[in-house]
Amino acid sequence: MPKPFHYPEVNLSVAVILCEGRTLLTWNENWGAFSLPMTKIRSWPGPSGSVDENSESAQQAAIRAAAEGLGRPLKGSEIPEQSVELELQPYSHRSHRDGQWKRYSREVFVFQIEGDLSSFSGKGVWLTSSEVSSMQPISQTAQEILSVLETQRG
């Protein structure tokens, strides 16, 4: 009888950055596609070996991803207080970084950026929802998250 698969868990924070009806997508070299800014939530082992209470929160990770994507720090008014509840199922996927199979879960934060797109100095593209669904290469992860977000927000 085959053993059930057990993959390492990877918890991601995703930054959906909105401005002027467009969403920021950044180039992900590992994936070979444009995607939403996202990052692993950092955790550090404490003295006992369990996860330290000073580990990064999902919100802190999302802020870090958003700042990297925008190429600038965020104003307090641009930072969401909490993640949005999206019906996203964890998925298993082979990591492009190390080739190992992992199980990914995503916590999504929506950032409404002040100002206009002409002042944007980061690396990325600002796309409408129809452009995200019609252009390539856009990561499947970004397409799924934006589709679910749009459907749930109605």
C-alpha atoms as a PDB file:
ATOM      1  CA  MET A   1       0.000   0.000   0.000  1.00  0.00           C
ATOM      2  CA  PRO A   2       1.524   3.377  -1.029  1.00  0.00           C
ATOM      3  CA  LYS A   3       2.230   5.931   1.684  1.00  0.00           C
ATOM      4  CA  PRO A   4       0.237   9.201   1.566  1.00  0.00           C
ATOM      5  CA  PHE A   5       2.266  12.161   0.370  1.00  0.00           C
ATOM      6  CA  HIS A   6       3.350  14.738   2.915  1.00  0.00           C
ATOM      7  CA  TYR A   7       4.816  17.935   1.543  1.00  0.00           C
ATOM      8  CA  PRO A   8       6.447  20.739   3.544  1.00  0.00           C
ATOM      9  CA  GLU A   9       4.044  23.610   4.240  1.00  0.00           C
ATOM     10  CA  VAL A  10       4.867  27.061   2.863  1.00  0.00           C
ATOM     11  CA  ASN A  11       2.797  30.011   4.078  1.00  0.00           C
ATOM     12  CA  LEU A  12       2.779  32.959   1.686  1.00  0.00           C
ATOM     13  CA  SER A  13       1.637  36.547   2.083  1.00  0.00           C
ATOM     14  CA  VAL A  14       0.321  38.097  -1.103  1.00  0.00           C
ATOM     15  CA  ALA A  15       0.079  41.843  -1.791  1.00  0.00           C
ATOM     16  CA  VAL A  16      -2.670  42.903  -4.187  1.00  0.00           C
ATOM     17  CA  ILE A  17      -1.690  46.508  -4.905  1.00  0.00           C
ATOM     18  CA  LEU A  18      -4.390  48.667  -6.494  1.00  0.00           C
ATOM     19  CA  CYS A  19      -4.161  52.170  -7.959  1.00  0.00           C
ATOM     20  CA  GLU A  20      -6.431  53.892 -10.476  1.00  0.00           C
ATOM     21  CA  GLY A  21      -8.355  50.676 -11.190  1.00  0.00           C
ATOM     22  CA  ARG A  22      -5.206  48.732 -12.010  1.00  0.00           C
ATOM     23  CA  THR A  23      -3.223  46.036 -10.209  1.00  0.00           C
ATOM     24  CA  LEU A  24       0.560  45.883  -9.897  1.00  0.00           C
ATOM     25  CA  LEU A  25       2.222  42.735 -11.223  1.00  0.00           C
ATOM     26  CA  THR A  26       5.965  42.242 -10.937  1.00  0.00           C
ATOM     27  CA  TRP A  27       8.261  39.978 -12.914  1.00  0.00           C
ATOM     28  CA  ASN A  28       9.072  36.737 -11.088  1.00  0.00           C
ATOM     29  CA  GLU A  29      12.331  35.412 -12.532  1.00  0.00           C
ATOM     30  CA  ASN A  30      11.859  31.960 -10.973  1.00  0.00           C
ATOM     31  CA  TRP A  31       8.421  31.517 -12.536  1.00  0.00           C
ATOM     32  CA  GLY A  32       9.157  33.220 -15.863  1.00  0.00           C
ATOM     33  CA  ALA A  33       5.929  35.218 -15.521  1.00  0.00           C
ATOM     34  CA  PHE A  34       4.414  38.360 -14.065  1.00  0.00           C
ATOM     35  CA  SER A  35       2.776  37.788 -10.695  1.00  0.00           C
ATOM     36  CA  LEU A  36       1.477  39.560  -7.640  1.00  0.00           C
ATOM     37  CA  PRO A  37       4.137  40.588  -5.129  1.00  0.00           C
ATOM     38  CA  MET A  38       4.318  37.761  -2.578  1.00  0.00           C
ATOM     39  CA  THR A  39       6.747  36.272  -0.118  1.00  0.00           C
ATOM     40  CA  LYS A  40       7.107  33.512   2.418  1.00  0.00           C
ATOM     41  CA  ILE A  41       6.196  34.460   5.974  1.00  0.00           C
ATOM     42  CA  ARG A  42       9.456  34.363   7.908  1.00  0.00           C
ATOM     43  CA  SER A  43       9.555  32.376  11.105  1.00  0.00           C
ATOM     44  CA  TRP A  44      12.448  31.902  13.447  1.00  0.00           C
ATOM     45  CA  PRO A  45      12.918  29.104  15.978  1.00  0.00           C
ATOM     46  CA  GLY A  46      13.054  30.239  19.579  1.00  0.00           C
ATOM     47  CA  PRO A  47      15.401  28.844  22.233  1.00  0.00           C
ATOM     48  CA  SER A  48      13.193  25.785  22.724  1.00  0.00           C
ATOM     49  CA  GLY A  49      13.153  25.027  18.989  1.00  0.00           C
ATOM     50  CA  SER A  50       9.504  26.013  18.512  1.00  0.00           C
ATOM     51  CA  VAL A  51       8.536  29.025  16.402  1.00  0.00           C
ATOM     52  CA  ASP A  52       9.548  32.245  18.132  1.00  0.00           C
ATOM     53  CA  GLU A  53       6.839  34.742  19.088  1.00  0.00           C
ATOM     54  CA  ASN A  54       8.947  37.412  17.382  1.00  0.00           C
ATOM     55  CA  SER A  55       8.485  35.766  13.984  1.00  0.00           C
ATOM     56  CA  GLU A  56       7.098  37.840  11.156  1.00  0.00           C
ATOM     57  CA  SER A  57       3.316  38.215  10.900  1.00  0.00           C
ATOM     58  CA  ALA A  58       1.472  37.664   7.633  1.00  0.00           C
ATOM     59  CA  GLN A  59       0.763  41.405   7.509  1.00  0.00           C
ATOM     60  CA  GLN A  60       4.458  42.277   7.978  1.00  0.00           C
ATOM     61  CA  ALA A  61       5.396  39.905   5.153  1.00  0.00           C
ATOM     62  CA  ALA A  62       2.768  41.444   2.856  1.00  0.00           C
ATOM     63  CA  ILE A  63       4.044  44.947   3.646  1.00  0.00           C
ATOM     64  CA  ARG A  64       7.575  43.800   2.795  1.00  0.00           C
ATOM     65  CA  ALA A  65       6.381  42.325  -0.529  1.00  0.00           C
ATOM     66  CA  ALA A  66       4.370  45.461  -1.358  1.00  0.00           C
ATOM     67  CA  ALA A  67       7.270  47.808  -0.578  1.00  0.00           C
ATOM     68  CA  GLU A  68       9.608  45.731  -2.741  1.00  0.00           C
ATOM     69  CA  GLY A  69       7.113  45.733  -5.619  1.00  0.00           C
ATOM     70  CA  LEU A  70       6.485  49.474  -5.351  1.00  0.00           C
ATOM     71  CA  GLY A  71      10.125  50.356  -4.798  1.00  0.00           C
ATOM     72  CA  ARG A  72       9.216  52.586  -1.876  1.00  0.00           C
ATOM     73  CA  PRO A  73       7.991  52.487   1.740  1.00  0.00           C
ATOM     74  CA  LEU A  74       4.267  52.518   2.416  1.00  0.00           C
ATOM     75  CA  LYS A  75       2.258  55.254   4.098  1.00  0.00           C
ATOM     76  CA  GLY A  76       0.257  54.192   7.144  1.00  0.00           C
ATOM     77  CA  SER A  77      -2.989  54.937   5.279  1.00  0.00           C
ATOM     78  CA  GLU A  78      -1.974  52.491   2.507  1.00  0.00           C
ATOM     79  CA  ILE A  79      -1.497  49.512   4.831  1.00  0.00           C
ATOM     80  CA  PRO A  80      -4.503  47.214   5.229  1.00  0.00           C
ATOM     81  CA  GLU A  81      -5.412  46.320   8.798  1.00  0.00           C
ATOM     82  CA  GLN A  82      -6.137  42.696   7.949  1.00  0.00           C
ATOM     83  CA  SER A  83      -6.135  40.165   5.174  1.00  0.00           C
ATOM     84  CA  VAL A  84      -9.163  39.536   3.005  1.00  0.00           C
ATOM     85  CA  GLU A  85     -11.075  36.303   3.368  1.00  0.00           C
ATOM     86  CA  LEU A  86     -10.749  34.533   0.048  1.00  0.00           C
ATOM     87  CA  GLU A  87     -11.796  30.993  -0.712  1.00  0.00           C
ATOM     88  CA  LEU A  88      -8.392  29.793  -1.891  1.00  0.00           C
ATOM     89  CA  GLN A  89      -7.493  26.165  -1.489  1.00  0.00           C
ATOM     90  CA  PRO A  90      -3.924  25.287  -0.522  1.00  0.00           C
ATOM     91  CA  TYR A  91      -2.160  23.656  -3.444  1.00  0.00           C
ATOM     92  CA  SER A  92       0.816  21.399  -3.955  1.00  0.00           C
ATOM     93  CA  HIS A  93       3.427  22.421  -6.470  1.00  0.00           C
ATOM     94  CA  ARG A  94       7.047  21.754  -7.312  1.00  0.00           C
ATOM     95  CA  SER A  95       9.119  24.707  -6.124  1.00  0.00           C
ATOM     96  CA  HIS A  96      10.935  26.515  -8.921  1.00  0.00           C
ATOM     97  CA  ARG A  97      13.569  27.530  -6.390  1.00  0.00           C
ATOM     98  CA  ASP A  98      14.724  24.103  -5.150  1.00  0.00           C
ATOM     99  CA  GLY A  99      12.717  21.553  -7.175  1.00  0.00           C
ATOM    100  CA  GLN A 100      10.990  20.023  -4.127  1.00  0.00           C
ATOM    101  CA  TRP A 101       7.247  19.457  -3.890  1.00  0.00           C
ATOM    102  CA  LYS A 102       5.606  21.749  -1.320  1.00  0.00           C
ATOM    103  CA  ARG A 103       2.104  22.609  -0.141  1.00  0.00           C
ATOM    104  CA  TYR A 104       1.374  26.348  -0.394  1.00  0.00           C
ATOM    105  CA  SER A 105      -1.218  28.422   1.436  1.00  0.00           C
ATOM    106  CA  ARG A 106      -1.788  32.108   0.733  1.00  0.00           C
ATOM    107  CA  GLU A 107      -2.957  35.011   2.895  1.00  0.00           C
ATOM    108  CA  VAL A 108      -3.992  37.978   0.750  1.00  0.00           C
ATOM    109  CA  PHE A 109      -3.766  41.664   1.693  1.00  0.00           C
ATOM    110  CA  VAL A 110      -5.228  44.411  -0.523  1.00  0.00           C
ATOM    111  CA  PHE A 111      -3.283  47.679  -0.618  1.00  0.00           C
ATOM    112  CA  GLN A 112      -4.973  50.798  -2.017  1.00  0.00           C
ATOM    113  CA  ILE A 113      -2.101  53.054  -3.092  1.00  0.00           C
ATOM    114  CA  GLU A 114      -2.389  56.823  -3.015  1.00  0.00           C
ATOM    115  CA  GLY A 115      -1.251  59.045  -5.861  1.00  0.00           C
ATOM    116  CA  ASP A 116      -1.159  58.308  -9.540  1.00  0.00           C
ATOM    117  CA  LEU A 117       0.619  55.801 -11.690  1.00  0.00           C
ATOM    118  CA  SER A 118       2.875  58.418 -13.283  1.00  0.00           C
ATOM    119  CA  SER A 119       4.797  58.651  -9.998  1.00  0.00           C
ATOM    120  CA  PHE A 120       5.450  54.896  -9.868  1.00  0.00           C
ATOM    121  CA  SER A 121       9.170  54.148  -9.898  1.00  0.00           C
ATOM    122  CA  GLY A 122       9.192  50.427  -9.085  1.00  0.00           C
ATOM    123  CA  LYS A 123       9.669  47.464 -11.386  1.00  0.00           C
ATOM    124  CA  GLY A 124       6.401  46.092 -12.640  1.00  0.00           C
ATOM    125  CA  VAL A 125       3.350  46.680 -14.764  1.00  0.00           C
ATOM    126  CA  TRP A 126      -0.075  48.029 -13.831  1.00  0.00           C
ATOM    127  CA  LEU A 127      -2.818  45.984 -15.503  1.00  0.00           C
ATOM    128  CA  THR A 128      -6.618  46.050 -15.562  1.00  0.00           C
ATOM    129  CA  SER A 129      -8.472  42.838 -14.732  1.00  0.00           C
ATOM    130  CA  SER A 130      -9.214  42.233 -18.430  1.00  0.00           C
ATOM    131  CA  GLU A 131      -5.513  42.640 -19.268  1.00  0.00           C
ATOM    132  CA  VAL A 132      -4.569  40.133 -16.542  1.00  0.00           C
ATOM    133  CA  SER A 133      -6.926  37.556 -18.057  1.00  0.00           C
ATOM    134  CA  SER A 134      -5.908  38.203 -21.676  1.00  0.00           C
ATOM    135  CA  MET A 135      -2.135  38.792 -21.551  1.00  0.00           C
ATOM    136  CA  GLN A 136       0.745  36.328 -21.129  1.00  0.00           C
ATOM    137  CA  PRO A 137       2.871  35.380 -19.314  1.00  0.00           C
ATOM    138  CA  ILE A 138       0.819  36.008 -16.155  1.00  0.00           C
ATOM    139  CA  SER A 139       1.232  33.450 -13.367  1.00  0.00           C
ATOM    140  CA  GLN A 140      -1.628  31.075 -12.720  1.00  0.00           C
ATOM    141  CA  THR A 141      -1.432  32.054  -9.037  1.00  0.00           C
ATOM    142  CA  ALA A 142      -2.013  35.745  -9.827  1.00  0.00           C
ATOM    143  CA  GLN A 143      -4.860  34.930 -12.217  1.00  0.00           C
ATOM    144  CA  GLU A 144      -6.564  32.718  -9.626  1.00  0.00           C
ATOM    145  CA  ILE A 145      -6.235  35.194  -6.741  1.00  0.00           C
ATOM    146  CA  LEU A 146      -7.466  38.152  -8.795  1.00  0.00           C
ATOM    147  CA  SER A 147     -10.362  36.143 -10.224  1.00  0.00           C
ATOM    148  CA  VAL A 148     -11.504  34.966  -6.773  1.00  0.00           C
ATOM    149  CA  LEU A 149     -11.075  38.474  -5.348  1.00  0.00           C
ATOM    150  CA  GLU A 150     -13.131  40.008  -8.163  1.00  0.00           C
ATOM    151  CA  THR A 151     -15.862  37.332  -7.854  1.00  0.00           C
ATOM    152  CA  GLN A 152     -16.137  37.655  -4.065  1.00  0.00           C
ATOM    153  CA  ARG A 153     -16.159  41.460  -4.152  1.00  0.00           C
ATOM    154  CA  GLY A 154     -18.906  41.225  -6.759  1.00  0.00           C
END
